[in-house]
Amino acid sequence: MRIGVIGSGIVGEVLSEGFLKYGHEVMRGSRTPEKLSAWAARHGERASVGTLAVTAVYGDVVVLAVKGTATEAAVEACGEALAGKVVIDTTNPIEDSPPEGGVLRFFTDHSQSLMERVQSRVPEAKLVKAFSCVGAGVMVNPTFAAGRPTMFICGSDRGAKATVSEFLDDFGWEVADMGGVIAARAIEPLCMLWCIPGFSSQEWTHAFKLLHA
């Protein structure tokens, strides 16, 4: 597939390289794509860069990998190109302010998620929340003694979730489907919990696992 990755940060970089590893073509999108030209040159003919709008058009699947406060503006910049496409939403509504006692601050509350806000802006996009409950360092092929960790996903389109689940299987995850877009209200706060060991003891290589009786 052709994967368009919106975002020039570390999450976008790690996921882009993961998709390249598994044979996909990747375009990374940025408001200033020239700053990613060296990245594209390192990764050969299957890697390219473009503006946000060009990248959204390019991708058969589009990944939102920008910081929370920039997410809605990035979606607007993508225009109508997201309509009808599978869109992997990795974002969390983290405020641009320091954590309190090791707990991140969100600019949403429990009655609305950032994913819902994005979906309302692009109602015809097939959003799937994924990669939001773990750090970039363990997003692709993590290795844990307990086996595959769990990636919590949600979204309203079953076909889109099936597509994303295939990517997650390649990337070394088991999938726990939590339901429709509204479930992002529960999934996004897992980012807060995941980050506490990092802030308290510099432990950034853990992940969640859902156990069944």
Protein backbone atom coordinates (compact mmCIF):
# COMPACT_ATOMS: atom_id res chain seq x y z
CA MET A 1 0.00 0.00 0.00
CA ARG A 2 0.88 3.66 -0.21
CA ILE A 3 0.95 5.13 3.31
CA GLY A 4 0.76 8.87 3.91
CA VAL A 5 2.14 9.84 7.32
CA ILE A 6 1.13 13.29 8.52
CA GLY A 7 3.77 14.55 10.95
CA SER A 8 7.50 15.17 11.04
CA GLY A 9 8.15 14.07 14.63
CA ILE A 10 9.46 10.86 16.14
CA VAL A 11 6.13 9.00 16.03
CA GLY A 12 5.80 9.71 12.33
CA GLU A 13 9.39 8.63 11.75
CA VAL A 14 9.10 5.34 13.65
CA LEU A 15 5.82 4.36 12.00
CA SER A 16 7.06 5.38 8.56
CA GLU A 17 10.08 3.13 8.93
CA GLY A 18 7.85 0.35 10.19
CA PHE A 19 5.67 0.56 7.09
CA LEU A 20 8.75 0.61 4.87
CA LYS A 21 10.06 -2.47 6.68
CA TYR A 22 6.95 -4.38 5.68
CA GLY A 23 7.06 -3.43 2.02
CA HIS A 24 4.81 -0.38 1.81
CA GLU A 25 5.56 2.90 0.08
CA VAL A 26 5.60 5.88 2.42
CA MET A 27 5.25 9.63 2.00
CA ARG A 28 5.83 11.77 5.09
CA GLY A 29 3.92 15.03 5.18
CA SER A 30 4.97 18.29 6.80
CA ARG A 31 4.21 21.98 6.52
CA THR A 32 7.90 22.28 5.65
CA PRO A 33 8.63 19.05 3.75
CA GLU A 34 12.15 20.08 2.84
CA LYS A 35 13.25 19.36 6.43
CA LEU A 36 12.44 15.68 5.78
CA SER A 37 14.39 15.40 2.53
CA ALA A 38 17.42 13.81 4.22
CA TRP A 39 15.14 11.17 5.75
CA ALA A 40 13.68 10.33 2.33
CA ALA A 41 17.14 10.15 0.76
CA ARG A 42 18.26 7.61 3.38
CA HIS A 43 15.34 5.28 2.66
CA GLY A 44 15.39 4.99 -1.11
CA GLU A 45 12.78 5.07 -3.81
CA ARG A 46 9.87 3.85 -1.65
CA ALA A 47 10.20 6.90 0.63
CA SER A 48 9.18 10.45 -0.26
CA VAL A 49 8.03 13.68 1.35
CA GLY A 50 5.35 16.25 0.59
CA THR A 51 3.06 18.87 2.03
CA LEU A 52 0.21 17.80 4.29
CA ALA A 53 -2.33 18.07 1.48
CA VAL A 54 -0.16 16.19 -1.04
CA THR A 55 0.54 13.45 1.50
CA ALA A 56 -3.16 13.06 2.27
CA VAL A 57 -3.90 12.60 -1.42
CA TYR A 58 -0.99 10.15 -1.84
CA GLY A 59 -1.92 7.70 0.88
CA ASP A 60 -4.22 4.75 0.41
CA VAL A 61 -4.04 4.83 4.20
CA VAL A 62 -3.22 8.03 6.10
CA VAL A 63 -1.61 8.22 9.55
CA LEU A 64 -2.16 11.23 11.82
CA ALA A 65 1.08 11.48 13.80
CA VAL A 66 1.14 15.08 15.04
CA LYS A 67 0.96 16.51 18.54
CA GLY A 68 -2.52 16.92 19.95
CA THR A 69 -2.66 20.69 19.84
CA ALA A 70 -1.81 20.64 16.12
CA THR A 71 -4.10 17.79 15.11
CA GLU A 72 -7.22 19.65 14.04
CA ALA A 73 -5.24 22.20 12.05
CA ALA A 74 -3.37 19.39 10.31
CA VAL A 75 -6.65 17.71 9.41
CA GLU A 76 -7.94 20.97 7.98
CA ALA A 77 -4.77 21.30 5.89
CA CYS A 78 -5.39 17.84 4.44
CA GLY A 79 -8.67 19.07 3.00
CA GLU A 80 -11.15 16.66 1.46
CA ALA A 81 -8.48 14.07 0.66
CA LEU A 82 -9.20 12.13 3.87
CA ALA A 83 -12.80 11.39 2.88
CA GLY A 84 -13.38 7.69 2.39
CA LYS A 85 -9.87 6.71 3.49
CA VAL A 86 -8.65 4.65 6.41
CA VAL A 87 -7.06 7.16 8.79
CA ILE A 88 -4.96 5.87 11.68
CA ASP A 89 -5.29 8.36 14.53
CA THR A 90 -2.28 8.14 16.86
CA THR A 91 -2.93 11.47 18.56
CA ASN A 92 -3.63 12.40 22.18
CA PRO A 93 -5.07 15.68 23.47
CA ILE A 94 -1.99 16.65 25.51
CA GLU A 95 -1.80 20.27 26.58
CA ASP A 96 1.28 22.38 25.89
CA SER A 97 2.00 22.58 29.62
CA PRO A 98 4.05 20.52 32.10
CA PRO A 99 2.55 17.41 33.71
CA GLU A 100 1.23 17.68 37.25
CA GLY A 101 2.78 15.12 39.60
CA GLY A 102 3.79 13.07 36.59
CA VAL A 103 0.28 13.16 35.11
CA LEU A 104 -0.19 14.76 31.71
CA ARG A 105 -2.78 17.47 31.26
CA PHE A 106 -5.41 17.03 28.54
CA PHE A 107 -7.38 19.79 26.80
CA THR A 108 -10.41 17.49 26.52
CA ASP A 109 -12.55 16.00 29.28
CA HIS A 110 -14.18 12.59 29.73
CA SER A 111 -17.23 13.58 27.69
CA GLN A 112 -15.28 14.07 24.46
CA SER A 113 -12.10 12.71 22.90
CA LEU A 114 -9.77 14.31 20.40
CA MET A 115 -10.66 11.50 18.01
CA GLU A 116 -14.32 12.53 18.14
CA ARG A 117 -13.36 16.10 17.36
CA VAL A 118 -11.33 14.94 14.38
CA GLN A 119 -14.14 12.67 13.16
CA SER A 120 -16.58 15.57 13.29
CA ARG A 121 -14.27 17.56 11.01
CA VAL A 122 -13.92 14.71 8.48
CA PRO A 123 -17.10 12.64 8.94
CA GLU A 124 -16.47 10.55 5.81
CA ALA A 125 -12.98 9.47 6.92
CA LYS A 126 -12.67 5.96 8.39
CA LEU A 127 -10.82 6.81 11.58
CA VAL A 128 -9.17 4.13 13.69
CA LYS A 129 -7.50 5.02 16.97
CA ALA A 130 -4.19 3.14 17.35
CA PHE A 131 -0.66 3.64 18.69
CA SER A 132 -1.91 6.23 21.19
CA CYS A 133 -1.32 4.17 24.35
CA VAL A 134 2.41 3.54 23.93
CA GLY A 135 5.57 5.49 23.16
CA ALA A 136 7.36 5.61 19.84
CA GLY A 137 10.25 3.47 21.07
CA VAL A 138 8.11 0.34 21.28
CA MET A 139 5.59 0.93 18.49
CA VAL A 140 7.19 -1.43 15.96
CA ASN A 141 8.06 -5.03 16.85
CA PRO A 142 8.45 -4.63 20.62
CA THR A 143 10.01 -7.51 22.52
CA PHE A 144 8.61 -8.46 25.92
CA ALA A 145 9.08 -11.62 27.95
CA ALA A 146 5.30 -11.88 28.40
CA GLY A 147 4.75 -12.04 24.65
CA ARG A 148 2.89 -9.65 22.41
CA PRO A 149 1.54 -6.52 24.11
CA THR A 150 -1.99 -5.25 23.51
CA MET A 151 -2.92 -2.34 21.27
CA PHE A 152 -6.30 -0.86 22.10
CA ILE A 153 -8.12 0.39 19.02
CA CYS A 154 -11.53 1.85 18.22
CA GLY A 155 -13.42 3.23 15.25
CA SER A 156 -16.81 3.04 13.59
CA ASP A 157 -15.81 1.22 10.38
CA ARG A 158 -15.19 -2.52 10.73
CA GLY A 159 -13.29 -2.80 7.47
CA ALA A 160 -10.95 0.00 8.48
CA LYS A 161 -10.27 -1.67 11.82
CA ALA A 162 -9.53 -4.93 10.04
CA THR A 163 -6.98 -3.16 7.82
CA VAL A 164 -5.30 -1.51 10.81
CA SER A 165 -5.30 -4.80 12.71
CA GLU A 166 -3.29 -6.38 9.88
CA PHE A 167 -0.67 -3.65 10.21
CA LEU A 168 -0.60 -4.15 13.97
CA ASP A 169 -0.10 -7.88 13.55
CA ASP A 170 2.92 -7.19 11.33
CA PHE A 171 4.21 -4.71 13.91
CA GLY A 172 4.06 -7.34 16.68
CA TRP A 173 0.84 -6.44 18.52
CA GLU A 174 -2.29 -8.23 19.58
CA VAL A 175 -5.40 -6.12 19.06
CA ALA A 176 -8.20 -5.30 21.48
CA ASP A 177 -11.10 -3.65 19.66
CA MET A 178 -12.95 -1.42 22.10
CA GLY A 179 -15.80 -0.46 19.76
CA GLY A 180 -16.82 2.77 18.07
CA VAL A 181 -15.25 6.21 18.03
CA ILE A 182 -16.71 7.05 21.44
CA ALA A 183 -14.35 4.49 23.02
CA ALA A 184 -11.48 6.90 22.36
CA ARG A 185 -12.69 8.68 25.51
CA ALA A 186 -11.27 5.71 27.40
CA ILE A 187 -8.30 4.87 25.18
CA GLU A 188 -6.71 8.33 24.99
CA PRO A 189 -6.28 8.65 28.79
CA LEU A 190 -4.17 5.46 28.75
CA CYS A 191 -1.45 7.79 27.48
CA MET A 192 -1.48 9.49 30.88
CA LEU A 193 -1.04 6.18 32.67
CA TRP A 194 1.65 4.97 30.25
CA CYS A 195 3.73 8.12 30.80
CA ILE A 196 3.78 8.07 34.62
CA PRO A 197 6.63 5.50 34.90
CA GLY A 198 8.59 7.59 32.40
CA PHE A 199 8.25 10.79 34.35
CA SER A 200 8.82 9.10 37.72
CA SER A 201 11.66 6.68 36.90
CA GLN A 202 12.64 7.25 33.24
CA GLU A 203 11.03 3.95 32.23
CA TRP A 204 9.77 4.37 28.66
CA THR A 205 9.86 0.82 27.28
CA HIS A 206 6.75 -0.76 28.74
CA ALA A 207 3.34 -1.54 27.23
CA PHE A 208 -0.12 -2.71 28.28
CA LYS A 209 -1.40 -6.28 27.99
CA LEU A 210 -5.05 -7.31 28.28
CA LEU A 211 -5.37 -10.67 30.04
CA HIS A 212 -8.34 -13.00 29.70
CA ALA A 213 -9.48 -15.60 32.23
